[in-house]
Amino acid sequence: MARLRSLLCAALALIAFAASAASAQGNTERLAAAVREGGKVVVYAATDRDVIQPIIDAFEAQHPGIRVDYQDMNSSDLYRRVVAEAAHGGGVDVVWSSAMDLQVKLVNDGYAQRYRSAETASLPAWAVWKDEAFATTYEPAALVYSKRGLRPQEVPDTHAALIRLLAEQPERFRGRLATYDPERTGLGLLLHSQDAQANPTAFWQLARTMGAGRVELHTSTAAMLARIASGEVLIGYNLLGSYAYARAQTDPAIGVVWPRDYTLVLSRVAFIERRAPHPAAAGLWLDFLLSAQGQSLFAKRAGLFSVRDDAGGGSVAGLRQQLGPAFRPIPLGTALLAYLDQIKRRDFLREWEAAMQQR
């Protein structure tokens, strides 16, 4: 029996070694193909370059001869650019954005190609859609506040507490609130429309309260964090928690709260463009984002939660445990298309505009 177990272990080890060797050989061949394609991968993304630079550096170090042409832009601009360029033959390899709904629309409209690899097979089922779109991160939407402007006992930790604070002290917070503009940024529309679905009564009451408080409307979390750090804004609502948490680690003026009644959690979604000019390099880049190494870098260097539990640092399991019953993930799939319907989007933005009329 002992000898049989030894033989079985040896056989399994041999199979694992063979699989590893085959994978290494495959990567070598793909790297050579990527170099022949032109030695670069073009990435359109809605992730700040300074956040993702450690990922780019690690990828280029691991794949000598491949340069990442990384172009960061607003999520709505990214969507429009992909559509416009595709009409003239394309030009991008990988599209990567936190505007999950716009990403799903692009995939649904035929702008992505199917892709399978050992890394995509290692993802949880919820992180893969049609073998075309892939969730690369998990990120809570946060309430961010000025530690200079709010005492610890004042900080709201639920949506109801935030509404109550703003309603009780309107003059104190007038002109000192910030959130995303859903008309000018896809991420803003995604977060606010998902918020409205999660708790319509609380969301629209909060929207009207923020409108009466002359809330500032922005297109980036970075801009809102700068306003909060300076003390000009006291509270920012529905900001990207990854950016906020990373800033809070080095800036004592920034505080971050994940609401304990419910916290929306989104994913940055990536896909390879259907007519990618550098498909081999695109596959290498996507695999690196999804690999245990890439996911560990997200968690350790970029402040993003990993979608894989076998990656070091912050993972989905850890985030789920930390948020408990407040954990409210935004599912990857066609349900995200609801508020991109022309009529539903129009109706949502009309109601939003009505809430903002008192600004």
Protein backbone atom coordinates (compact mmCIF):
# COMPACT_ATOMS: atom_id res chain seq x y z
CA MET A 1 0.00 0.00 0.00
CA ALA A 2 2.84 2.38 0.92
CA ARG A 3 4.58 1.63 -2.35
CA LEU A 4 1.34 2.23 -4.25
CA ARG A 5 0.94 5.64 -2.58
CA SER A 6 4.56 6.50 -3.46
CA LEU A 7 3.99 5.54 -7.09
CA LEU A 8 0.77 7.57 -7.18
CA CYS A 9 2.52 10.65 -5.72
CA ALA A 10 5.35 10.28 -8.21
CA ALA A 11 2.88 10.02 -11.09
CA LEU A 12 1.01 13.13 -9.94
CA ALA A 13 4.28 15.02 -9.59
CA LEU A 14 5.28 13.97 -13.10
CA ILE A 15 1.93 15.13 -14.49
CA ALA A 16 2.30 18.47 -12.70
CA PHE A 17 5.84 18.87 -14.02
CA ALA A 18 4.73 18.05 -17.56
CA ALA A 19 1.87 20.55 -17.34
CA SER A 20 4.22 23.22 -16.00
CA ALA A 21 6.75 22.51 -18.75
CA ALA A 22 4.03 22.65 -21.41
CA SER A 23 2.78 25.94 -19.99
CA ALA A 24 6.28 27.40 -19.96
CA GLN A 25 6.82 26.26 -23.55
CA GLY A 26 3.49 27.80 -24.54
CA ASN A 27 4.40 31.11 -22.93
CA THR A 28 7.78 31.12 -24.70
CA GLU A 29 6.07 30.58 -28.05
CA ARG A 30 3.49 33.30 -27.33
CA LEU A 31 6.21 35.73 -26.29
CA ALA A 32 8.03 35.09 -29.56
CA ALA A 33 4.77 35.64 -31.46
CA ALA A 34 4.15 38.87 -29.51
CA VAL A 35 7.61 40.15 -30.43
CA ARG A 36 6.94 39.32 -34.09
CA GLU A 37 3.65 41.28 -33.90
CA GLY A 38 5.56 44.44 -33.06
CA GLY A 39 6.62 44.05 -29.46
CA LYS A 40 3.83 46.00 -27.80
CA VAL A 41 0.34 45.73 -26.38
CA VAL A 42 -2.05 48.68 -26.60
CA VAL A 43 -4.26 49.03 -23.52
CA TYR A 44 -7.13 51.50 -23.16
CA ALA A 45 -8.01 51.79 -19.49
CA ALA A 46 -9.96 53.78 -16.95
CA THR A 47 -7.42 53.13 -14.20
CA ASP A 48 -5.00 55.89 -13.19
CA ARG A 49 -1.54 55.12 -14.52
CA ASP A 50 0.22 55.84 -11.23
CA VAL A 51 -1.95 53.16 -9.59
CA ILE A 52 -1.21 50.56 -12.25
CA GLN A 53 2.46 51.38 -12.92
CA PRO A 54 3.76 48.54 -10.67
CA ILE A 55 1.73 46.09 -12.77
CA ILE A 56 3.15 47.50 -16.01
CA ASP A 57 6.70 47.35 -14.67
CA ALA A 58 6.32 43.73 -13.53
CA PHE A 59 4.76 42.68 -16.85
CA GLU A 60 7.50 44.27 -18.93
CA ALA A 61 10.18 42.71 -16.70
CA GLN A 62 8.62 39.27 -17.13
CA HIS A 63 8.09 39.67 -20.88
CA PRO A 64 11.26 41.25 -22.29
CA GLY A 65 10.67 42.72 -25.71
CA ILE A 66 7.03 43.66 -25.00
CA ARG A 67 6.15 47.28 -24.23
CA VAL A 68 2.82 48.32 -22.73
CA ASP A 69 1.28 51.29 -24.55
CA TYR A 70 -1.04 52.28 -21.69
CA GLN A 71 -3.62 54.98 -22.35
CA ASP A 72 -5.67 56.15 -19.38
CA MET A 73 -8.97 57.95 -19.97
CA ASN A 74 -12.42 58.63 -18.57
CA SER A 75 -14.69 55.56 -18.78
CA SER A 76 -17.21 57.27 -21.07
CA ASP A 77 -14.45 58.59 -23.36
CA LEU A 78 -12.95 55.09 -23.45
CA TYR A 79 -16.24 53.60 -24.59
CA ARG A 80 -16.74 56.18 -27.32
CA ARG A 81 -13.17 55.81 -28.55
CA VAL A 82 -13.39 52.02 -28.85
CA VAL A 83 -16.63 52.30 -30.84
CA ALA A 84 -15.28 55.07 -33.10
CA GLU A 85 -11.98 53.32 -33.82
CA ALA A 86 -13.65 49.96 -34.47
CA ALA A 87 -15.64 51.63 -37.25
CA HIS A 88 -12.31 52.38 -38.95
CA GLY A 89 -10.52 49.08 -38.34
CA GLY A 90 -9.69 49.31 -34.64
CA GLY A 91 -6.36 49.95 -32.96
CA VAL A 92 -6.58 48.75 -29.36
CA ASP A 93 -5.67 45.33 -27.96
CA VAL A 94 -7.17 45.27 -24.46
CA VAL A 95 -10.06 47.35 -23.10
CA TRP A 96 -10.11 47.63 -19.30
CA SER A 97 -12.59 49.69 -17.31
CA SER A 98 -14.45 50.00 -14.01
CA ALA A 99 -17.62 51.00 -15.91
CA MET A 100 -18.87 47.42 -15.86
CA ASP A 101 -22.08 48.23 -17.74
CA LEU A 102 -20.27 49.88 -20.65
CA GLN A 103 -17.83 46.95 -20.82
CA VAL A 104 -20.70 44.45 -20.94
CA LYS A 105 -22.38 46.53 -23.66
CA LEU A 106 -19.20 46.51 -25.77
CA VAL A 107 -18.92 42.74 -25.38
CA ASN A 108 -22.62 42.26 -26.08
CA ASP A 109 -22.32 44.41 -29.21
CA GLY A 110 -19.51 42.24 -30.61
CA TYR A 111 -16.38 44.24 -29.81
CA ALA A 112 -14.64 41.43 -27.89
CA GLN A 113 -13.10 38.11 -28.89
CA ARG A 114 -13.32 34.83 -27.01
CA TYR A 115 -10.26 33.96 -24.97
CA ARG A 116 -9.41 30.90 -22.90
CA SER A 117 -6.23 30.07 -21.04
CA ALA A 118 -5.01 28.40 -17.87
CA GLU A 119 -5.42 31.75 -16.09
CA THR A 120 -9.02 32.34 -17.19
CA ALA A 121 -9.80 28.76 -16.13
CA SER A 122 -8.49 29.57 -12.64
CA LEU A 123 -11.03 32.37 -12.12
CA PRO A 124 -14.23 31.87 -10.13
CA ALA A 125 -17.26 31.39 -12.39
CA TRP A 126 -18.76 34.80 -11.49
CA ALA A 127 -15.64 36.56 -12.85
CA VAL A 128 -16.04 35.24 -16.43
CA TRP A 129 -18.76 36.20 -18.89
CA LYS A 130 -19.09 34.42 -22.24
CA ASP A 131 -15.32 33.68 -22.19
CA GLU A 132 -14.96 37.28 -23.40
CA ALA A 133 -15.21 39.58 -20.39
CA PHE A 134 -13.16 39.02 -17.24
CA ALA A 135 -13.42 40.63 -13.82
CA THR A 136 -9.90 41.54 -12.68
CA THR A 137 -10.56 43.21 -9.30
CA TYR A 138 -13.09 43.71 -6.55
CA GLU A 139 -13.53 47.25 -5.17
CA PRO A 140 -15.99 48.67 -2.63
CA ALA A 141 -17.65 52.03 -3.25
CA ALA A 142 -16.79 54.18 -0.24
CA LEU A 143 -17.91 57.16 1.73
CA VAL A 144 -14.83 59.37 2.17
CA TYR A 145 -14.57 62.21 4.66
CA SER A 146 -12.25 64.95 5.87
CA LYS A 147 -10.73 64.03 9.23
CA ARG A 148 -10.08 67.75 9.76
CA GLY A 149 -13.74 68.60 9.24
CA LEU A 150 -15.55 65.75 11.01
CA ARG A 151 -15.04 64.44 14.53
CA PRO A 152 -14.87 60.61 14.82
CA GLN A 153 -18.26 60.41 16.56
CA GLU A 154 -19.89 62.38 13.71
CA VAL A 155 -18.80 60.09 10.87
CA PRO A 156 -21.87 58.37 9.34
CA ASP A 157 -21.57 54.62 8.81
CA THR A 158 -24.91 53.98 7.07
CA HIS A 159 -26.85 55.71 4.33
CA ALA A 160 -29.55 56.73 6.82
CA ALA A 161 -26.94 58.26 9.11
CA LEU A 162 -25.47 60.24 6.20
CA ILE A 163 -28.90 61.58 5.19
CA ARG A 164 -29.63 62.54 8.79
CA LEU A 165 -26.28 64.34 9.22
CA LEU A 166 -26.73 66.38 6.03
CA ALA A 167 -30.37 67.21 6.82
CA GLU A 168 -29.63 68.33 10.39
CA GLN A 169 -26.72 70.64 9.44
CA PRO A 170 -27.44 71.90 5.91
CA GLU A 171 -25.42 75.11 6.19
CA ARG A 172 -22.33 73.29 7.44
CA PHE A 173 -22.23 70.96 4.43
CA ARG A 174 -23.54 73.32 1.74
CA GLY A 175 -21.06 73.36 -1.14
CA ARG A 176 -18.82 70.88 0.71
CA LEU A 177 -20.08 67.59 -0.72
CA ALA A 178 -18.82 65.65 -3.76
CA THR A 179 -19.85 62.67 -5.85
CA TYR A 180 -19.61 61.34 -9.39
CA ASP A 181 -21.49 63.01 -12.23
CA PRO A 182 -23.60 60.24 -13.87
CA GLU A 183 -24.09 62.33 -17.02
CA ARG A 184 -20.38 62.77 -17.75
CA THR A 185 -18.86 59.50 -16.57
CA GLY A 186 -19.86 55.89 -17.09
CA LEU A 187 -18.62 54.89 -13.65
CA GLY A 188 -20.86 57.52 -12.06
CA LEU A 189 -23.91 56.20 -13.91
CA LEU A 190 -23.03 52.63 -12.94
CA LEU A 191 -22.58 53.36 -9.22
CA HIS A 192 -25.57 55.66 -8.83
CA SER A 193 -27.96 53.45 -10.84
CA GLN A 194 -26.86 50.35 -8.94
CA ASP A 195 -27.31 52.31 -5.72
CA ALA A 196 -30.83 53.24 -6.79
CA GLN A 197 -31.60 49.56 -7.37
CA ALA A 198 -30.11 48.49 -4.04
CA ASN A 199 -32.20 50.96 -2.01
CA PRO A 200 -34.30 53.33 -4.14
CA THR A 201 -35.91 55.18 -1.22
CA ALA A 202 -32.61 55.94 0.53
CA PHE A 203 -30.73 56.75 -2.68
CA TRP A 204 -33.20 59.29 -4.02
CA GLN A 205 -33.62 60.88 -0.61
CA LEU A 206 -29.84 61.20 -0.40
CA ALA A 207 -29.65 62.56 -3.96
CA ARG A 208 -32.20 65.28 -3.13
CA THR A 209 -30.35 66.12 0.08
CA MET A 210 -27.04 66.40 -1.78
CA GLY A 211 -28.70 68.51 -4.46
CA ALA A 212 -29.99 70.91 -1.80
CA GLY A 213 -26.46 70.94 -0.39
CA ARG A 214 -24.99 72.05 -3.76
CA VAL A 215 -22.96 68.89 -4.19
CA GLU A 216 -19.93 69.12 -6.48
CA LEU A 217 -20.14 66.71 -9.44
CA HIS A 218 -16.85 65.18 -10.63
CA THR A 219 -15.56 62.71 -13.20
CA SER A 220 -12.73 61.17 -11.14
CA THR A 221 -12.12 59.91 -7.63
CA ALA A 222 -8.65 61.48 -7.66
CA ALA A 223 -10.12 64.97 -8.07
CA MET A 224 -12.58 64.41 -5.24
CA LEU A 225 -9.86 63.04 -2.94
CA ALA A 226 -7.80 66.17 -3.56
CA ARG A 227 -10.77 68.34 -2.55
CA ILE A 228 -11.36 66.28 0.59
CA ALA A 229 -7.67 66.30 1.54
CA SER A 230 -7.61 70.11 1.28
CA GLY A 231 -10.65 70.39 3.54
CA GLU A 232 -12.71 72.18 0.87
CA VAL A 233 -15.01 69.14 0.68
CA LEU A 234 -16.09 67.41 3.88
CA ILE A 235 -17.78 64.28 2.48
CA GLY A 236 -17.46 62.39 -0.80
CA TYR A 237 -20.08 59.80 -1.71
CA ASN A 238 -19.70 56.66 -3.88
CA LEU A 239 -15.97 57.13 -4.46
CA LEU A 240 -13.74 54.26 -5.56
CA GLY A 241 -12.72 52.67 -2.28
CA SER A 242 -9.43 51.35 -3.66
CA TYR A 243 -8.15 54.83 -4.52
CA ALA A 244 -9.51 56.30 -1.29
CA TYR A 245 -8.02 53.60 0.92
CA ALA A 246 -4.61 53.90 -0.76
CA ARG A 247 -4.65 57.69 -0.31
CA ALA A 248 -5.71 57.33 3.34
CA GLN A 249 -2.63 55.20 4.06
CA THR A 250 -0.36 58.18 3.42
CA ASP A 251 -2.65 61.17 4.01
CA PRO A 252 -3.89 61.68 7.59
CA ALA A 253 -6.56 64.11 6.36
CA ILE A 254 -8.51 61.33 4.59
CA GLY A 255 -10.96 58.94 6.26
CA VAL A 256 -12.75 56.03 4.55
CA VAL A 257 -16.02 54.33 5.51
CA TRP A 258 -17.66 51.28 3.95
CA PRO A 259 -21.35 51.67 4.89
CA ARG A 260 -22.48 48.84 7.13
CA ASP A 261 -26.05 48.73 5.83
CA TYR A 262 -24.83 47.92 2.31
CA THR A 263 -21.64 48.56 0.36
CA LEU A 264 -21.62 48.27 -3.42
CA VAL A 265 -18.65 46.30 -4.75
CA LEU A 266 -17.63 46.64 -8.40
CA SER A 267 -15.05 44.98 -10.64
CA ARG A 268 -12.69 46.35 -13.28
CA VAL A 269 -13.57 44.36 -16.40
CA ALA A 270 -11.12 43.54 -19.19
CA PHE A 271 -11.51 42.03 -22.65
CA ILE A 272 -9.42 41.57 -25.79
CA GLU A 273 -10.76 43.65 -28.68
CA ARG A 274 -12.18 41.58 -31.54
CA ARG A 275 -9.66 42.89 -34.08
CA ALA A 276 -6.74 43.42 -31.71
CA PRO A 277 -3.63 44.18 -33.80
CA HIS A 278 -1.39 42.37 -31.29
CA PRO A 279 -3.43 39.34 -30.15
CA ALA A 280 -0.53 37.33 -28.70
CA ALA A 281 0.65 40.29 -26.62
CA ALA A 282 -2.97 40.97 -25.59
CA GLY A 283 -3.26 37.40 -24.30
CA LEU A 284 -0.02 37.73 -22.35
CA TRP A 285 -1.22 40.99 -20.75
CA LEU A 286 -4.65 39.63 -19.84
CA ASP A 287 -3.13 36.44 -18.42
CA PHE A 288 -0.73 38.51 -16.32
CA LEU A 289 -3.62 40.57 -14.90
CA LEU A 290 -5.45 37.37 -13.98
CA SER A 291 -2.46 35.36 -12.74
CA ALA A 292 -1.73 34.79 -9.04
CA GLN A 293 1.31 37.08 -9.45
CA GLY A 294 -0.65 39.88 -11.09
CA GLN A 295 -3.50 39.57 -8.61
CA SER A 296 -1.04 39.73 -5.70
CA LEU A 297 0.40 42.92 -7.15
CA PHE A 298 -3.10 44.39 -7.37
CA ALA A 299 -3.60 43.73 -3.69
CA LYS A 300 -0.13 44.67 -2.43
CA ARG A 301 0.91 47.51 -4.74
CA ALA A 302 -2.30 48.97 -6.18
CA GLY A 303 -4.69 48.72 -3.23
CA LEU A 304 -7.17 46.59 -5.22
CA PHE A 305 -8.84 43.42 -3.99
CA SER A 306 -7.94 40.23 -5.87
CA VAL A 307 -10.62 38.08 -7.50
CA ARG A 308 -8.55 34.96 -6.73
CA ASP A 309 -8.32 33.45 -3.26
CA ASP A 310 -4.91 31.93 -4.04
CA ALA A 311 -3.29 35.34 -4.54
CA GLY A 312 -1.47 36.97 -1.67
CA GLY A 313 -2.88 40.10 -0.04
CA GLY A 314 -6.51 41.22 -0.13
CA SER A 315 -8.91 38.73 -1.70
CA VAL A 316 -12.63 38.40 -2.36
CA ALA A 317 -12.97 36.05 0.61
CA GLY A 318 -11.29 38.55 2.92
CA LEU A 319 -13.42 41.43 1.65
CA ARG A 320 -16.60 39.38 2.00
CA GLN A 321 -15.67 38.53 5.57
CA GLN A 322 -14.79 42.13 6.37
CA LEU A 323 -18.04 43.58 5.01
CA GLY A 324 -20.25 40.76 6.23
CA PRO A 325 -23.95 41.26 5.37
CA ALA A 326 -23.16 44.70 3.88
CA PHE A 327 -21.29 43.02 0.99
CA ARG A 328 -23.28 43.93 -2.16
CA PRO A 329 -21.39 42.86 -5.32
CA ILE A 330 -22.46 44.11 -8.75
CA PRO A 331 -22.90 40.96 -10.88
CA LEU A 332 -21.11 40.70 -14.23
CA GLY A 333 -23.73 40.03 -16.93
CA THR A 334 -26.54 41.36 -19.07
CA ALA A 335 -28.45 42.79 -16.09
CA LEU A 336 -25.93 45.63 -16.22
CA LEU A 337 -27.41 46.76 -19.53
CA ALA A 338 -30.66 47.89 -17.92
CA TYR A 339 -29.69 51.54 -17.39
CA LEU A 340 -27.97 51.73 -20.78
CA ASP A 341 -31.39 51.31 -22.36
CA GLN A 342 -32.09 54.74 -23.83
CA ILE A 343 -35.44 55.19 -22.07
CA LYS A 344 -34.32 53.92 -18.66
CA ARG A 345 -31.15 56.01 -18.82
CA ARG A 346 -33.18 59.09 -19.80
CA ASP A 347 -35.64 58.54 -16.96
CA PHE A 348 -32.85 57.99 -14.42
CA LEU A 349 -30.97 61.12 -15.47
CA ARG A 350 -34.17 63.18 -15.46
CA GLU A 351 -34.83 62.16 -11.87
CA TRP A 352 -31.20 62.86 -11.02
CA GLU A 353 -31.42 66.31 -12.61
CA ALA A 354 -34.60 67.04 -10.65
CA ALA A 355 -32.75 66.11 -7.46
CA MET A 356 -29.90 68.42 -8.43
CA GLN A 357 -32.13 71.40 -9.29
CA GLN A 358 -31.68 73.00 -5.89
CA ARG A 359 -27.90 73.24 -6.32
